[in-house]
Protein backbone atom coordinates (compact mmCIF):
# COMPACT_ATOMS: atom_id res chain seq x y z
CA UNK A 1 -20.75 -19.79 19.70
CA UNK A 2 -20.23 -17.03 22.26
CA UNK A 3 -19.66 -13.32 21.73
CA UNK A 4 -15.93 -13.47 22.47
CA UNK A 5 -15.45 -16.19 19.87
CA UNK A 6 -17.50 -14.23 17.32
CA UNK A 7 -15.54 -11.03 17.93
CA UNK A 8 -12.19 -12.81 17.74
CA UNK A 9 -13.14 -14.56 14.51
CA UNK A 10 -14.49 -11.39 12.95
CA UNK A 11 -11.54 -9.28 14.04
CA UNK A 12 -8.93 -11.77 12.88
CA UNK A 13 -10.66 -12.17 9.51
CA UNK A 14 -10.77 -8.42 8.88
CA UNK A 15 -7.27 -7.78 10.17
CA UNK A 16 -5.84 -10.57 8.01
CA UNK A 17 -7.55 -9.22 4.88
CA UNK A 18 -6.32 -5.68 5.45
CA UNK A 19 -2.80 -6.82 6.35
CA UNK A 20 -2.57 -9.04 3.27
CA UNK A 21 -3.73 -6.22 1.02
CA UNK A 22 -1.20 -3.81 2.51
CA UNK A 23 1.66 -6.31 2.20
CA UNK A 24 0.69 -7.07 -1.37
CA UNK A 25 0.55 -3.40 -2.32
CA UNK A 26 3.86 -2.69 -0.58
CA UNK A 27 5.67 -5.37 -2.60
CA UNK A 28 4.52 -3.99 -5.94
CA UNK A 29 6.74 -1.44 -7.66
CA UNK A 30 5.34 1.62 -9.40
CA UNK A 31 8.02 2.64 -11.97
CA UNK A 32 5.95 2.80 -15.17
CA UNK A 33 2.37 3.04 -13.91
CA UNK A 34 1.27 -0.49 -14.80
CA UNK A 35 2.06 -1.85 -11.34
CA UNK A 36 0.22 1.12 -9.86
CA UNK A 37 -2.94 -0.24 -11.43
CA UNK A 38 -2.25 -3.61 -9.80
CA UNK A 39 -1.78 -1.88 -6.45
CA UNK A 40 -5.04 -0.01 -6.83
CA UNK A 41 -6.82 -3.18 -7.92
CA UNK A 42 -5.52 -5.15 -4.94
CA UNK A 43 -6.58 -2.46 -2.45
CA UNK A 44 -9.92 -2.03 -4.23
CA UNK A 45 -10.58 -5.78 -4.15
CA UNK A 46 -9.67 -5.92 -0.47
CA UNK A 47 -12.00 -3.04 0.40
CA UNK A 48 -14.75 -4.52 -1.72
CA UNK A 49 -14.33 -7.84 0.10
CA UNK A 50 -14.54 -6.08 3.46
CA UNK A 51 -17.73 -4.31 2.42
CA UNK A 52 -19.20 -7.56 1.17
CA UNK A 53 -18.36 -9.30 4.45
CA UNK A 54 -19.90 -6.47 6.45
CA UNK A 55 -23.03 -6.63 4.32
CA UNK A 56 -23.23 -10.39 4.86
CA UNK A 57 -23.00 -9.97 8.64
CA UNK A 58 -25.72 -7.32 8.60
CA UNK A 59 -28.02 -9.46 6.44
CA UNK A 60 -27.39 -12.45 8.72
CA UNK A 61 -28.37 -10.35 11.77
CA UNK A 62 -31.50 -9.09 10.03
CA UNK A 63 -32.50 -12.63 9.10
CA UNK A 64 -31.93 -13.74 12.71
CA UNK A 65 -34.21 -10.91 13.90
CA UNK A 66 -36.92 -12.03 11.47
CA UNK A 67 -36.51 -15.65 12.55
CA UNK A 68 -36.74 -14.61 16.20
CA UNK A 69 -39.90 -12.59 15.54
CA UNK A 70 -41.47 -15.55 13.73
CA UNK A 71 -40.52 -17.95 16.51
CA UNK A 72 -38.03 -19.94 14.43
CA UNK A 73 -35.14 -18.76 16.60
CA UNK A 74 -35.81 -19.05 20.32
CA UNK A 75 -32.31 -18.48 21.69
CA UNK A 76 -31.87 -14.80 22.54
CA UNK A 77 -28.15 -15.33 23.11
CA UNK A 78 -27.68 -16.43 19.50
CA UNK A 79 -29.65 -13.41 18.30
CA UNK A 80 -27.39 -11.16 20.36
CA UNK A 81 -24.29 -12.76 18.87
CA UNK A 82 -25.52 -12.11 15.33
CA UNK A 83 -26.34 -8.51 16.17
CA UNK A 84 -23.00 -7.95 17.88
CA UNK A 85 -21.10 -9.42 14.92
CA UNK A 86 -22.90 -7.07 12.54
CA UNK A 87 -22.27 -4.11 14.82
CA UNK A 88 -18.55 -4.83 15.16
CA UNK A 89 -18.19 -5.37 11.41
CA UNK A 90 -19.89 -2.05 10.71
CA UNK A 91 -17.78 -0.21 13.29
CA UNK A 92 -14.60 -1.67 11.81
CA UNK A 93 -15.65 -0.73 8.28
CA UNK A 94 -16.38 2.83 9.37
CA UNK A 95 -13.00 3.02 11.14
CA UNK A 96 -11.19 1.84 8.00
CA UNK A 97 -13.10 4.41 5.94
CA UNK A 98 -12.19 7.19 8.38
CA UNK A 99 -8.50 6.24 8.30
CA UNK A 100 -8.52 6.11 4.50
CA UNK A 101 -10.09 9.56 4.29
CA UNK A 102 -7.62 10.91 6.83
CA UNK A 103 -4.70 9.51 4.79
CA UNK A 104 -6.16 10.98 1.59
CA UNK A 105 -6.55 14.40 3.20
CA UNK A 106 -2.96 14.32 4.47
CA UNK A 107 -1.69 13.46 0.98
CA UNK A 108 -3.75 16.23 -0.59
CA UNK A 109 -2.41 18.78 1.94
CA UNK A 110 1.24 17.95 1.20
CA UNK A 111 3.20 20.69 -0.45
CA UNK A 112 5.38 19.79 -3.37
């Protein structure tokens, strides 16, 4: 596995999850409040899945570092791929968080 392949796989996975969650929440109606709970649940589950995936990538990179230090992993390229995957996942998660906070702040600053 090379870095380009890892980045493309990671990016496509994250983008598909976010896109699916947004499409799902856009198709739900919010007339009586019950569907609003479904919308919140779908977005919450999507975000929770993204955080779980990011955590998995970080733990995988940490385990690769330990294996490399112990001599179980001798390929530095593979170690770099694991570290880069974790870094990209974390950067993407932070970017999603920043956009969500920006959207929240814009909604809160709207005048009714």
